[in-house]
Amino acid sequence: MNKIDQTNELSVEEGLKIIGRTRQAAAARVRAPWWYHASVGLAVAIMAAAFTQQGSIWVMFVGLALIAALASHHRRRTGVSISSTHRGSLRSTLLGFGGVIIAVASIRFGVWLENSGGHEGAMLWIALLCGVFATGLGFVLEWSFIKDAETVR
């Protein structure tokens, strides 16, 4: 083995170590602060509660504005767009769509429960549960993204 081959082998090993450290640093950088997912959950709860109120379309806009502000803050802080594609994005997308379907079904159930009589405040509890669910889903998706980023392929 000549000197050039030895240099290339060391370079490959060092390169892989550098790639691994870079991926771990990127994964640490995209971690959202503790309040991020709770704020998204609050916005979802606000929007879910707005479905039951007559003439409260402005409440929906408040929730959407809060989510847009959080997404913008996350993009500026990390340099990573929330909508960017990454390995494992199909799993994340399916989890997200499943969460939306569950939230919409829950809201519809709450509306039916209140309209069927006698269950005052059911929508408030449903909206609260949707917010908690959205918060949990955010943590799961972030964990999935970080796990994918830390895995050297």
N, C-alpha and C. Protein backbone atom coordinates (compact mmCIF):
# COMPACT_ATOMS: atom_id res chain seq x y z
N MET A 1 0.85 -1.18 0.00
CA MET A 1 0.00 0.00 0.00
C MET A 1 0.90 1.24 0.00
N ASN A 2 0.68 2.11 -0.94
CA ASN A 2 1.52 3.30 -1.01
C ASN A 2 0.96 4.42 -0.12
N LYS A 3 1.71 5.50 -0.05
CA LYS A 3 1.35 6.61 0.84
C LYS A 3 0.03 7.27 0.43
N ILE A 4 -0.27 7.32 -0.84
CA ILE A 4 -1.52 7.94 -1.32
C ILE A 4 -2.72 7.15 -0.84
N ASP A 5 -2.66 5.81 -0.90
CA ASP A 5 -3.78 4.98 -0.44
C ASP A 5 -4.02 5.15 1.05
N GLN A 6 -2.94 5.23 1.85
CA GLN A 6 -3.10 5.42 3.29
C GLN A 6 -3.75 6.77 3.59
N THR A 7 -3.36 7.79 2.88
CA THR A 7 -3.93 9.13 3.08
C THR A 7 -5.41 9.13 2.74
N ASN A 8 -5.78 8.46 1.66
CA ASN A 8 -7.19 8.40 1.27
C ASN A 8 -8.02 7.66 2.30
N GLU A 9 -7.48 6.57 2.85
CA GLU A 9 -8.23 5.82 3.86
C GLU A 9 -8.45 6.66 5.11
N LEU A 10 -7.42 7.35 5.55
CA LEU A 10 -7.57 8.22 6.71
C LEU A 10 -8.56 9.34 6.42
N SER A 11 -8.51 9.87 5.23
CA SER A 11 -9.42 10.94 4.86
C SER A 11 -10.87 10.48 4.87
N VAL A 12 -11.09 9.25 4.41
CA VAL A 12 -12.45 8.72 4.40
C VAL A 12 -12.96 8.54 5.83
N GLU A 13 -12.13 7.96 6.70
CA GLU A 13 -12.55 7.78 8.10
C GLU A 13 -12.80 9.12 8.78
N GLU A 14 -11.88 10.05 8.57
CA GLU A 14 -12.06 11.38 9.16
C GLU A 14 -13.29 12.07 8.59
N GLY A 15 -13.50 11.90 7.29
CA GLY A 15 -14.67 12.49 6.65
C GLY A 15 -15.96 11.97 7.23
N LEU A 16 -16.02 10.66 7.47
CA LEU A 16 -17.23 10.07 8.06
C LEU A 16 -17.45 10.58 9.48
N LYS A 17 -16.36 10.74 10.23
CA LYS A 17 -16.50 11.29 11.59
C LYS A 17 -17.01 12.73 11.54
N ILE A 18 -16.48 13.49 10.60
CA ILE A 18 -16.92 14.89 10.46
C ILE A 18 -18.39 14.94 10.07
N ILE A 19 -18.79 14.08 9.15
CA ILE A 19 -20.20 14.02 8.74
C ILE A 19 -21.08 13.67 9.93
N GLY A 20 -20.67 12.70 10.73
CA GLY A 20 -21.45 12.31 11.91
C GLY A 20 -21.59 13.46 12.90
N ARG A 21 -20.48 14.16 13.15
CA ARG A 21 -20.55 15.30 14.08
C ARG A 21 -21.44 16.42 13.53
N THR A 22 -21.36 16.64 12.22
CA THR A 22 -22.18 17.68 11.60
C THR A 22 -23.66 17.34 11.70
N ARG A 23 -24.01 16.08 11.48
CA ARG A 23 -25.41 15.66 11.58
C ARG A 23 -25.92 15.81 13.01
N GLN A 24 -25.08 15.45 13.99
CA GLN A 24 -25.49 15.61 15.39
C GLN A 24 -25.65 17.08 15.75
N ALA A 25 -24.77 17.92 15.24
CA ALA A 25 -24.89 19.37 15.51
C ALA A 25 -26.15 19.93 14.86
N ALA A 26 -26.46 19.46 13.65
CA ALA A 26 -27.69 19.92 12.98
C ALA A 26 -28.92 19.46 13.75
N ALA A 27 -28.89 18.23 14.24
CA ALA A 27 -30.03 17.71 15.01
C ALA A 27 -30.22 18.52 16.29
N ALA A 28 -29.13 18.88 16.94
CA ALA A 28 -29.24 19.69 18.16
C ALA A 28 -29.76 21.09 17.84
N ARG A 29 -29.41 21.60 16.68
CA ARG A 29 -29.83 22.96 16.31
C ARG A 29 -31.32 23.05 16.02
N VAL A 30 -31.91 22.01 15.45
CA VAL A 30 -33.32 22.09 15.06
C VAL A 30 -34.26 21.76 16.21
N ARG A 31 -33.74 21.41 17.37
CA ARG A 31 -34.60 21.16 18.52
C ARG A 31 -35.37 22.43 18.87
N ALA A 32 -36.67 22.27 18.96
CA ALA A 32 -37.52 23.41 19.29
C ALA A 32 -37.48 23.64 20.80
N PRO A 33 -37.63 24.89 21.25
CA PRO A 33 -37.71 25.15 22.69
C PRO A 33 -38.98 24.51 23.27
N TRP A 34 -39.00 24.33 24.58
CA TRP A 34 -40.10 23.62 25.24
C TRP A 34 -41.44 24.27 24.96
N TRP A 35 -41.49 25.58 24.79
CA TRP A 35 -42.76 26.29 24.64
C TRP A 35 -43.29 26.25 23.21
N TYR A 36 -42.47 25.82 22.24
CA TYR A 36 -42.88 25.86 20.84
C TYR A 36 -44.09 24.97 20.57
N HIS A 37 -44.00 23.70 20.93
CA HIS A 37 -45.10 22.77 20.65
C HIS A 37 -46.32 23.09 21.51
N ALA A 38 -46.09 23.57 22.73
CA ALA A 38 -47.22 23.97 23.57
C ALA A 38 -47.96 25.16 22.93
N SER A 39 -47.23 26.08 22.32
CA SER A 39 -47.86 27.22 21.65
C SER A 39 -48.64 26.79 20.42
N VAL A 40 -48.09 25.84 19.66
CA VAL A 40 -48.83 25.32 18.50
C VAL A 40 -50.10 24.61 18.98
N GLY A 41 -49.99 23.84 20.06
CA GLY A 41 -51.17 23.18 20.63
C GLY A 41 -52.22 24.18 21.08
N LEU A 42 -51.78 25.29 21.67
CA LEU A 42 -52.71 26.34 22.08
C LEU A 42 -53.41 26.94 20.86
N ALA A 43 -52.65 27.18 19.80
CA ALA A 43 -53.25 27.73 18.57
C ALA A 43 -54.27 26.77 17.98
N VAL A 44 -53.97 25.48 18.00
CA VAL A 44 -54.92 24.49 17.49
C VAL A 44 -56.17 24.46 18.36
N ALA A 45 -55.99 24.54 19.68
CA ALA A 45 -57.15 24.57 20.58
C ALA A 45 -58.01 25.81 20.33
N ILE A 46 -57.37 26.94 20.10
CA ILE A 46 -58.11 28.17 19.80
C ILE A 46 -58.92 28.00 18.53
N MET A 47 -58.29 27.44 17.50
CA MET A 47 -59.00 27.26 16.23
C MET A 47 -60.11 26.23 16.35
N ALA A 48 -59.88 25.17 17.12
CA ALA A 48 -60.93 24.16 17.31
C ALA A 48 -62.12 24.75 18.05
N ALA A 49 -61.86 25.59 19.06
CA ALA A 49 -62.95 26.21 19.81
C ALA A 49 -63.72 27.19 18.93
N ALA A 50 -63.06 27.78 17.95
CA ALA A 50 -63.72 28.76 17.08
C ALA A 50 -64.78 28.12 16.19
N PHE A 51 -64.69 26.82 15.95
CA PHE A 51 -65.67 26.15 15.10
C PHE A 51 -67.08 26.22 15.68
N THR A 52 -67.21 26.31 16.99
CA THR A 52 -68.53 26.27 17.60
C THR A 52 -69.15 27.65 17.78
N GLN A 53 -68.36 28.69 17.66
CA GLN A 53 -68.86 30.03 17.92
C GLN A 53 -69.35 30.68 16.63
N GLN A 54 -70.55 31.22 16.66
CA GLN A 54 -71.09 31.94 15.50
C GLN A 54 -70.33 33.26 15.34
N GLY A 55 -69.91 33.56 14.14
CA GLY A 55 -69.27 34.84 13.86
C GLY A 55 -67.90 35.01 14.48
N SER A 56 -67.20 33.94 14.76
CA SER A 56 -65.89 34.06 15.39
C SER A 56 -64.77 33.68 14.43
N ILE A 57 -64.92 34.06 13.17
CA ILE A 57 -63.89 33.75 12.18
C ILE A 57 -62.58 34.44 12.53
N TRP A 58 -62.65 35.57 13.22
CA TRP A 58 -61.43 36.27 13.60
C TRP A 58 -60.59 35.43 14.56
N VAL A 59 -61.24 34.58 15.35
CA VAL A 59 -60.50 33.70 16.27
C VAL A 59 -59.65 32.72 15.47
N MET A 60 -60.21 32.23 14.34
CA MET A 60 -59.44 31.35 13.46
C MET A 60 -58.20 32.07 12.94
N PHE A 61 -58.36 33.34 12.58
CA PHE A 61 -57.23 34.10 12.07
C PHE A 61 -56.17 34.30 13.14
N VAL A 62 -56.59 34.47 14.39
CA VAL A 62 -55.63 34.60 15.49
C VAL A 62 -54.81 33.31 15.61
N GLY A 63 -55.48 32.17 15.58
CA GLY A 63 -54.78 30.88 15.65
C GLY A 63 -53.83 30.68 14.48
N LEU A 64 -54.29 31.00 13.28
CA LEU A 64 -53.43 30.86 12.09
C LEU A 64 -52.24 31.81 12.15
N ALA A 65 -52.47 33.03 12.63
CA ALA A 65 -51.38 34.00 12.75
C ALA A 65 -50.35 33.53 13.77
N LEU A 66 -50.81 32.92 14.86
CA LEU A 66 -49.89 32.40 15.87
C LEU A 66 -49.03 31.28 15.28
N ILE A 67 -49.65 30.37 14.54
CA ILE A 67 -48.89 29.28 13.92
C ILE A 67 -47.90 29.83 12.89
N ALA A 68 -48.32 30.81 12.09
CA ALA A 68 -47.42 31.41 11.10
C ALA A 68 -46.23 32.10 11.78
N ALA A 69 -46.49 32.80 12.88
CA ALA A 69 -45.42 33.47 13.61
C ALA A 69 -44.44 32.46 14.19
N LEU A 70 -44.96 31.36 14.74
CA LEU A 70 -44.09 30.32 15.29
C LEU A 70 -43.25 29.68 14.20
N ALA A 71 -43.85 29.39 13.04
CA ALA A 71 -43.11 28.79 11.93
C ALA A 71 -42.01 29.73 11.45
N SER A 72 -42.32 31.02 11.36
CA SER A 72 -41.33 32.00 10.93
C SER A 72 -40.18 32.10 11.93
N HIS A 73 -40.50 32.10 13.21
CA HIS A 73 -39.48 32.14 14.26
C HIS A 73 -38.58 30.91 14.17
N HIS A 74 -39.19 29.74 13.98
CA HIS A 74 -38.42 28.49 13.89
C HIS A 74 -37.48 28.54 12.68
N ARG A 75 -37.95 29.03 11.56
CA ARG A 75 -37.14 29.10 10.34
C ARG A 75 -35.96 30.06 10.54
N ARG A 76 -36.21 31.23 11.17
CA ARG A 76 -35.12 32.19 11.41
C ARG A 76 -34.11 31.64 12.41
N ARG A 77 -34.60 30.96 13.44
CA ARG A 77 -33.73 30.47 14.51
C ARG A 77 -32.84 29.32 14.05
N THR A 78 -33.40 28.41 13.26
CA THR A 78 -32.66 27.20 12.89
C THR A 78 -32.15 27.21 11.46
N GLY A 79 -32.75 28.02 10.61
CA GLY A 79 -32.39 27.99 9.20
C GLY A 79 -33.03 26.83 8.46
N VAL A 80 -33.93 26.12 9.12
CA VAL A 80 -34.60 24.96 8.53
C VAL A 80 -36.07 25.30 8.33
N SER A 81 -36.54 25.07 7.13
CA SER A 81 -37.95 25.30 6.83
C SER A 81 -38.76 24.11 7.31
N ILE A 82 -39.88 24.38 7.95
CA ILE A 82 -40.72 23.30 8.47
C ILE A 82 -41.25 22.44 7.34
N SER A 83 -41.47 23.03 6.18
CA SER A 83 -42.02 22.27 5.06
C SER A 83 -40.95 21.60 4.21
N SER A 84 -39.69 21.73 4.61
CA SER A 84 -38.64 21.12 3.80
C SER A 84 -38.73 19.60 3.85
N THR A 85 -38.27 18.98 2.79
CA THR A 85 -38.32 17.52 2.73
C THR A 85 -37.06 16.96 3.37
N HIS A 86 -37.20 15.83 3.96
CA HIS A 86 -36.08 15.12 4.55
C HIS A 86 -36.42 13.64 4.54
N ARG A 87 -35.43 12.86 4.78
CA ARG A 87 -35.65 11.43 4.82
C ARG A 87 -36.64 11.10 5.92
N GLY A 88 -37.60 10.26 5.65
CA GLY A 88 -38.62 9.94 6.63
C GLY A 88 -39.80 10.89 6.58
N SER A 89 -39.83 11.77 5.59
CA SER A 89 -40.90 12.77 5.55
C SER A 89 -42.26 12.14 5.28
N LEU A 90 -42.30 11.00 4.59
CA LEU A 90 -43.58 10.35 4.35
C LEU A 90 -44.22 9.93 5.67
N ARG A 91 -43.42 9.37 6.56
CA ARG A 91 -43.93 8.98 7.88
C ARG A 91 -44.46 10.20 8.62
N SER A 92 -43.70 11.28 8.61
CA SER A 92 -44.13 12.51 9.28
C SER A 92 -45.41 13.06 8.66
N THR A 93 -45.48 13.02 7.34
CA THR A 93 -46.67 13.51 6.65
C THR A 93 -47.89 12.67 7.00
N LEU A 94 -47.73 11.37 7.02
CA LEU A 94 -48.85 10.49 7.37
C LEU A 94 -49.28 10.71 8.81
N LEU A 95 -48.33 10.89 9.72
CA LEU A 95 -48.68 11.19 11.11
C LEU A 95 -49.44 12.51 11.20
N GLY A 96 -48.97 13.50 10.46
CA GLY A 96 -49.64 14.80 10.47
C GLY A 96 -51.06 14.73 9.93
N PHE A 97 -51.24 14.04 8.79
CA PHE A 97 -52.58 13.90 8.23
C PHE A 97 -53.48 13.09 9.16
N GLY A 98 -52.93 12.06 9.76
CA GLY A 98 -53.72 11.28 10.73
C GLY A 98 -54.15 12.15 11.90
N GLY A 99 -53.26 13.02 12.36
CA GLY A 99 -53.60 13.93 13.44
C GLY A 99 -54.70 14.90 13.05
N VAL A 100 -54.63 15.42 11.84
CA VAL A 100 -55.67 16.34 11.36
C VAL A 100 -57.01 15.62 11.27
N ILE A 101 -57.01 14.41 10.77
CA ILE A 101 -58.26 13.64 10.66
C ILE A 101 -58.86 13.39 12.04
N ILE A 102 -58.02 13.01 13.00
CA ILE A 102 -58.51 12.78 14.36
C ILE A 102 -59.05 14.08 14.96
N ALA A 103 -58.35 15.20 14.74
CA ALA A 103 -58.81 16.48 15.28
C ALA A 103 -60.15 16.89 14.68
N VAL A 104 -60.29 16.76 13.36
CA VAL A 104 -61.55 17.13 12.71
C VAL A 104 -62.69 16.23 13.18
N ALA A 105 -62.42 14.94 13.29
CA ALA A 105 -63.45 14.02 13.79
C ALA A 105 -63.83 14.36 15.23
N SER A 106 -62.85 14.72 16.04
CA SER A 106 -63.14 15.10 17.43
C SER A 106 -63.99 16.35 17.50
N ILE A 107 -63.66 17.33 16.67
CA ILE A 107 -64.45 18.57 16.64
C ILE A 107 -65.87 18.28 16.20
N ARG A 108 -66.00 17.48 15.17
CA ARG A 108 -67.35 17.12 14.69
C ARG A 108 -68.13 16.38 15.78
N PHE A 109 -67.47 15.50 16.49
CA PHE A 109 -68.13 14.78 17.59
C PHE A 109 -68.57 15.75 18.67
N GLY A 110 -67.72 16.73 19.00
CA GLY A 110 -68.08 17.72 20.01
C GLY A 110 -69.28 18.56 19.60
N VAL A 111 -69.33 18.95 18.32
CA VAL A 111 -70.49 19.70 17.82
C VAL A 111 -71.74 18.85 17.93
N TRP A 112 -71.66 17.59 17.53
CA TRP A 112 -72.81 16.69 17.63
C TRP A 112 -73.24 16.53 19.08
N LEU A 113 -72.27 16.39 19.98
CA LEU A 113 -72.57 16.19 21.40
C LEU A 113 -73.31 17.40 21.97
N GLU A 114 -72.85 18.60 21.64
CA GLU A 114 -73.52 19.80 22.14
C GLU A 114 -74.91 19.97 21.52
N ASN A 115 -75.04 19.66 20.24
CA ASN A 115 -76.33 19.82 19.57
C ASN A 115 -77.34 18.75 19.97
N SER A 116 -76.86 17.61 20.44
CA SER A 116 -77.79 16.55 20.83
C SER A 116 -78.44 16.85 22.18
N GLY A 117 -77.94 17.87 22.86
CA GLY A 117 -78.61 18.35 24.06
C GLY A 117 -77.93 17.96 25.36
N GLY A 118 -77.86 18.93 26.24
CA GLY A 118 -77.46 18.67 27.60
C GLY A 118 -75.97 18.60 27.88
N HIS A 119 -75.13 18.72 26.89
CA HIS A 119 -73.69 18.60 27.13
C HIS A 119 -73.01 19.94 26.93
N GLU A 120 -73.35 20.88 27.78
CA GLU A 120 -72.74 22.21 27.71
C GLU A 120 -71.24 22.10 27.94
N GLY A 121 -70.49 22.81 27.17
CA GLY A 121 -69.04 22.83 27.36
C GLY A 121 -68.30 21.66 26.75
N ALA A 122 -69.01 20.78 26.05
CA ALA A 122 -68.33 19.62 25.45
C ALA A 122 -67.29 20.08 24.43
N MET A 123 -67.62 21.13 23.67
CA MET A 123 -66.69 21.60 22.65
C MET A 123 -65.43 22.19 23.27
N LEU A 124 -65.56 22.80 24.43
CA LEU A 124 -64.37 23.34 25.09
C LEU A 124 -63.41 22.21 25.44
N TRP A 125 -63.94 21.12 25.96
CA TRP A 125 -63.10 19.97 26.29
C TRP A 125 -62.51 19.32 25.04
N ILE A 126 -63.31 19.23 23.99
CA ILE A 126 -62.81 18.67 22.73
C ILE A 126 -61.69 19.56 22.18
N ALA A 127 -61.89 20.88 22.22
CA ALA A 127 -60.86 21.80 21.73
C ALA A 127 -59.58 21.67 22.55
N LEU A 128 -59.73 21.53 23.85
CA LEU A 128 -58.58 21.35 24.73
C LEU A 128 -57.84 20.06 24.39
N LEU A 129 -58.59 18.99 24.17
CA LEU A 129 -57.97 17.71 23.80
C LEU A 129 -57.27 17.80 22.46
N CYS A 130 -57.86 18.53 21.50
CA CYS A 130 -57.20 18.73 20.20
C CYS A 130 -55.87 19.47 20.39
N GLY A 131 -55.86 20.46 21.25
CA GLY A 131 -54.62 21.20 21.52
C GLY A 131 -53.56 20.32 22.16
N VAL A 132 -53.96 19.50 23.12
CA VAL A 132 -53.02 18.58 23.77
C VAL A 132 -52.49 17.57 22.75
N PHE A 133 -53.39 17.06 21.90
CA PHE A 133 -52.99 16.11 20.87
C PHE A 133 -52.01 16.75 19.90
N ALA A 134 -52.27 17.99 19.48
CA ALA A 134 -51.36 18.68 18.56
C ALA A 134 -49.99 18.90 19.19
N THR A 135 -49.97 19.21 20.49
CA THR A 135 -48.71 19.38 21.20
C THR A 135 -47.92 18.07 21.20
N GLY A 136 -48.59 16.98 21.55
CA GLY A 136 -47.93 15.67 21.55
C GLY A 136 -47.44 15.27 20.17
N LEU A 137 -48.26 15.52 19.16
CA LEU A 137 -47.87 15.19 17.78
C LEU A 137 -46.64 16.00 17.37
N GLY A 138 -46.58 17.25 17.78
CA GLY A 138 -45.40 18.07 17.48
C GLY A 138 -44.14 17.49 18.08
N PHE A 139 -44.21 17.05 19.34
CA PHE A 139 -43.04 16.44 19.98
C PHE A 139 -42.63 15.16 19.27
N VAL A 140 -43.60 14.34 18.86
CA VAL A 140 -43.30 13.08 18.17
C VAL A 140 -42.64 13.36 16.82
N LEU A 141 -43.18 14.32 16.06
CA LEU A 141 -42.60 14.64 14.76
C LEU A 141 -41.20 15.22 14.90
N GLU A 142 -40.99 16.06 15.92
CA GLU A 142 -39.65 16.62 16.14
C GLU A 142 -38.68 15.51 16.51
N TRP A 143 -39.09 14.60 17.38
CA TRP A 143 -38.24 13.48 17.77
C TRP A 143 -37.88 12.64 16.54
N SER A 144 -38.85 12.41 15.67
CA SER A 144 -38.62 11.63 14.46
C SER A 144 -37.61 12.34 13.55
N PHE A 145 -37.76 13.64 13.40
CA PHE A 145 -36.86 14.41 12.56
C PHE A 145 -35.44 14.39 13.11
N ILE A 146 -35.30 14.58 14.42
CA ILE A 146 -33.98 14.59 15.05
C ILE A 146 -33.34 13.21 14.96
N LYS A 147 -34.13 12.17 15.17
CA LYS A 147 -33.61 10.80 15.07
C LYS A 147 -33.09 10.54 13.66
N ASP A 148 -33.85 10.99 12.64
CA ASP A 148 -33.41 10.84 11.25
C ASP A 148 -32.13 11.64 11.00
N ALA A 149 -32.04 12.83 11.57
CA ALA A 149 -30.87 13.68 11.34
C ALA A 149 -29.62 13.11 12.01
N GLU A 150 -29.78 12.45 13.16
CA GLU A 150 -28.64 11.90 13.88
C GLU A 150 -28.15 10.59 13.28
N THR A 151 -28.99 9.90 12.54
CA THR A 151 -28.63 8.61 11.98
C THR A 151 -27.75 8.81 10.76
N VAL A 152 -26.56 8.26 10.83
CA VAL A 152 -25.65 8.34 9.69
C VAL A 152 -25.99 7.22 8.73
N ARG A 153 -26.29 7.59 7.51
CA ARG A 153 -26.65 6.58 6.50
C ARG A 153 -25.54 6.43 5.51
